[in-house]
Amino acid sequence: MARFEEQQVTLYGEKEKYRSRQRLYEVEEGLGSGFMRISKTTIINLKQIDSVEPSFRGTMILKLKNGQKDYISRTLYWIVGGKKICQEK
């Protein structure tokens, strides 16, 4: 997961986190097709999705294998068989 927080980009690994001097869009440009921006402030690795659970007011909680969590909007939905998040059009 790459997340913009506290005025800088933080990259989360399995157990560690790193600060990046790049802006979030620059990090996004360097990533492959296995990554997706789920909000203005967050990019995730689709292979690291553990689960997606319903939350309040139409949002869902996305949980990653490293324990990180983030909210996703109802415009994103979960395809269980493909373990992939897709954006509605």
C-alpha atoms as a PDB file:
ATOM      1  CA  MET A   1       0.000   0.000   0.000  1.00  0.00           C
ATOM      2  CA  ALA A   2       1.143   3.516  -0.761  1.00  0.00           C
ATOM      3  CA  ARG A   3      -0.676   6.236   1.133  1.00  0.00           C
ATOM      4  CA  PHE A   4      -0.394  10.014   1.329  1.00  0.00           C
ATOM      5  CA  GLU A   5      -0.455  10.938   5.010  1.00  0.00           C
ATOM      6  CA  GLU A   6       1.116  13.637   7.135  1.00  0.00           C
ATOM      7  CA  GLN A   7       2.098  15.595   4.025  1.00  0.00           C
ATOM      8  CA  GLN A   8       4.203  12.772   2.541  1.00  0.00           C
ATOM      9  CA  VAL A   9       3.884   9.376   0.856  1.00  0.00           C
ATOM     10  CA  THR A  10       4.295   6.301   3.052  1.00  0.00           C
ATOM     11  CA  LEU A  11       4.909   2.877   1.475  1.00  0.00           C
ATOM     12  CA  TYR A  12       3.817  -0.107   3.575  1.00  0.00           C
ATOM     13  CA  GLY A  13       5.477  -3.522   3.265  1.00  0.00           C
ATOM     14  CA  GLU A  14       4.679  -6.710   5.149  1.00  0.00           C
ATOM     15  CA  LYS A  15       6.161  -5.503   8.430  1.00  0.00           C
ATOM     16  CA  GLU A  16       7.906  -2.244   7.634  1.00  0.00           C
ATOM     17  CA  LYS A  17       7.044   1.160   6.269  1.00  0.00           C
ATOM     18  CA  TYR A  18       9.075   3.619   4.226  1.00  0.00           C
ATOM     19  CA  ARG A  19       8.766   7.314   3.459  1.00  0.00           C
ATOM     20  CA  SER A  20       9.053   8.431  -0.146  1.00  0.00           C
ATOM     21  CA  ARG A  21      10.129  11.795  -1.482  1.00  0.00           C
ATOM     22  CA  GLN A  22       7.973  11.235  -4.558  1.00  0.00           C
ATOM     23  CA  ARG A  23       4.412  12.439  -4.895  1.00  0.00           C
ATOM     24  CA  LEU A  24       1.669   9.803  -4.948  1.00  0.00           C
ATOM     25  CA  TYR A  25       1.043  10.179  -8.696  1.00  0.00           C
ATOM     26  CA  GLU A  26       4.785   9.657  -9.333  1.00  0.00           C
ATOM     27  CA  VAL A  27       4.736   6.451  -7.280  1.00  0.00           C
ATOM     28  CA  GLU A  28       1.630   5.351  -9.180  1.00  0.00           C
ATOM     29  CA  GLU A  29       3.316   5.929 -12.558  1.00  0.00           C
ATOM     30  CA  GLY A  30       6.162   3.603 -11.546  1.00  0.00           C
ATOM     31  CA  LEU A  31       3.916   0.721 -10.514  1.00  0.00           C
ATOM     32  CA  GLY A  32       2.689  -2.073 -12.776  1.00  0.00           C
ATOM     33  CA  SER A  33      -0.795  -3.218 -13.680  1.00  0.00           C
ATOM     34  CA  GLY A  34      -1.189  -5.144 -10.409  1.00  0.00           C
ATOM     35  CA  PHE A  35      -1.816  -1.916  -8.495  1.00  0.00           C
ATOM     36  CA  MET A  36      -4.893   0.274  -8.238  1.00  0.00           C
ATOM     37  CA  ARG A  37      -5.691   3.679  -6.779  1.00  0.00           C
ATOM     38  CA  ILE A  38      -8.672   3.193  -4.470  1.00  0.00           C
ATOM     39  CA  SER A  39      -8.918   6.812  -3.296  1.00  0.00           C
ATOM     40  CA  LYS A  40      -7.234  10.186  -3.691  1.00  0.00           C
ATOM     41  CA  THR A  41      -4.716   9.188  -1.044  1.00  0.00           C
ATOM     42  CA  THR A  42      -4.215   5.410  -1.415  1.00  0.00           C
ATOM     43  CA  ILE A  43      -2.821   2.897  -3.922  1.00  0.00           C
ATOM     44  CA  ILE A  44      -2.978  -0.848  -3.223  1.00  0.00           C
ATOM     45  CA  ASN A  45      -1.351  -4.018  -4.541  1.00  0.00           C
ATOM     46  CA  LEU A  46      -4.237  -6.163  -5.784  1.00  0.00           C
ATOM     47  CA  LYS A  47      -2.348  -9.361  -4.892  1.00  0.00           C
ATOM     48  CA  GLN A  48      -2.251  -8.306  -1.239  1.00  0.00           C
ATOM     49  CA  ILE A  49      -6.025  -8.048  -0.719  1.00  0.00           C
ATOM     50  CA  ASP A  50      -7.155 -10.232   2.164  1.00  0.00           C
ATOM     51  CA  SER A  51     -10.828  -9.287   2.413  1.00  0.00           C
ATOM     52  CA  VAL A  52     -13.454  -6.622   1.821  1.00  0.00           C
ATOM     53  CA  GLU A  53     -16.229  -6.164   4.361  1.00  0.00           C
ATOM     54  CA  PRO A  54     -19.336  -3.940   4.411  1.00  0.00           C
ATOM     55  CA  SER A  55     -19.164  -0.837   6.558  1.00  0.00           C
ATOM     56  CA  PHE A  56     -21.407   2.176   7.176  1.00  0.00           C
ATOM     57  CA  ARG A  57     -23.248   4.261   4.592  1.00  0.00           C
ATOM     58  CA  GLY A  58     -22.382   2.179   1.546  1.00  0.00           C
ATOM     59  CA  THR A  59     -18.643   2.093   2.111  1.00  0.00           C
ATOM     60  CA  MET A  60     -16.579  -1.036   2.568  1.00  0.00           C
ATOM     61  CA  ILE A  61     -13.426  -1.808   4.544  1.00  0.00           C
ATOM     62  CA  LEU A  62     -10.591  -3.236   2.484  1.00  0.00           C
ATOM     63  CA  LYS A  63      -8.152  -5.356   4.501  1.00  0.00           C
ATOM     64  CA  LEU A  64      -4.693  -6.246   3.210  1.00  0.00           C
ATOM     65  CA  LYS A  65      -2.593  -9.254   4.157  1.00  0.00           C
ATOM     66  CA  ASN A  66      -0.182  -7.041   6.124  1.00  0.00           C
ATOM     67  CA  GLY A  67      -3.012  -5.859   8.383  1.00  0.00           C
ATOM     68  CA  GLN A  68      -3.475  -2.434   6.793  1.00  0.00           C
ATOM     69  CA  LYS A  69      -7.060  -1.271   6.319  1.00  0.00           C
ATOM     70  CA  ASP A  70      -8.700   1.418   4.260  1.00  0.00           C
ATOM     71  CA  TYR A  71     -12.207   2.422   3.254  1.00  0.00           C
ATOM     72  CA  ILE A  72     -13.347   2.042  -0.319  1.00  0.00           C
ATOM     73  CA  SER A  73     -16.408   3.628  -1.846  1.00  0.00           C
ATOM     74  CA  ARG A  74     -19.397   1.782  -3.177  1.00  0.00           C
ATOM     75  CA  THR A  75     -18.205   2.542  -6.717  1.00  0.00           C
ATOM     76  CA  LEU A  76     -15.629  -0.196  -6.174  1.00  0.00           C
ATOM     77  CA  TYR A  77     -16.810  -3.745  -5.720  1.00  0.00           C
ATOM     78  CA  TRP A  78     -15.350  -7.130  -4.800  1.00  0.00           C
ATOM     79  CA  ILE A  79     -15.085 -10.028  -7.229  1.00  0.00           C
ATOM     80  CA  VAL A  80     -14.427 -12.978  -4.956  1.00  0.00           C
ATOM     81  CA  GLY A  81     -13.430 -15.545  -7.592  1.00  0.00           C
ATOM     82  CA  GLY A  82     -10.812 -13.326  -9.229  1.00  0.00           C
ATOM     83  CA  LYS A  83      -9.618 -11.732  -5.971  1.00  0.00           C
ATOM     84  CA  LYS A  84      -9.621  -8.418  -7.744  1.00  0.00           C
ATOM     85  CA  ILE A  85     -11.145  -5.029  -7.123  1.00  0.00           C
ATOM     86  CA  CYS A  86     -12.862  -3.542 -10.162  1.00  0.00           C
ATOM     87  CA  GLN A  87     -14.209  -0.084 -10.738  1.00  0.00           C
ATOM     88  CA  GLU A  88     -17.794   0.319 -11.872  1.00  0.00           C
ATOM     89  CA  LYS A  89     -18.285   2.297 -15.065  1.00  0.00           C
END
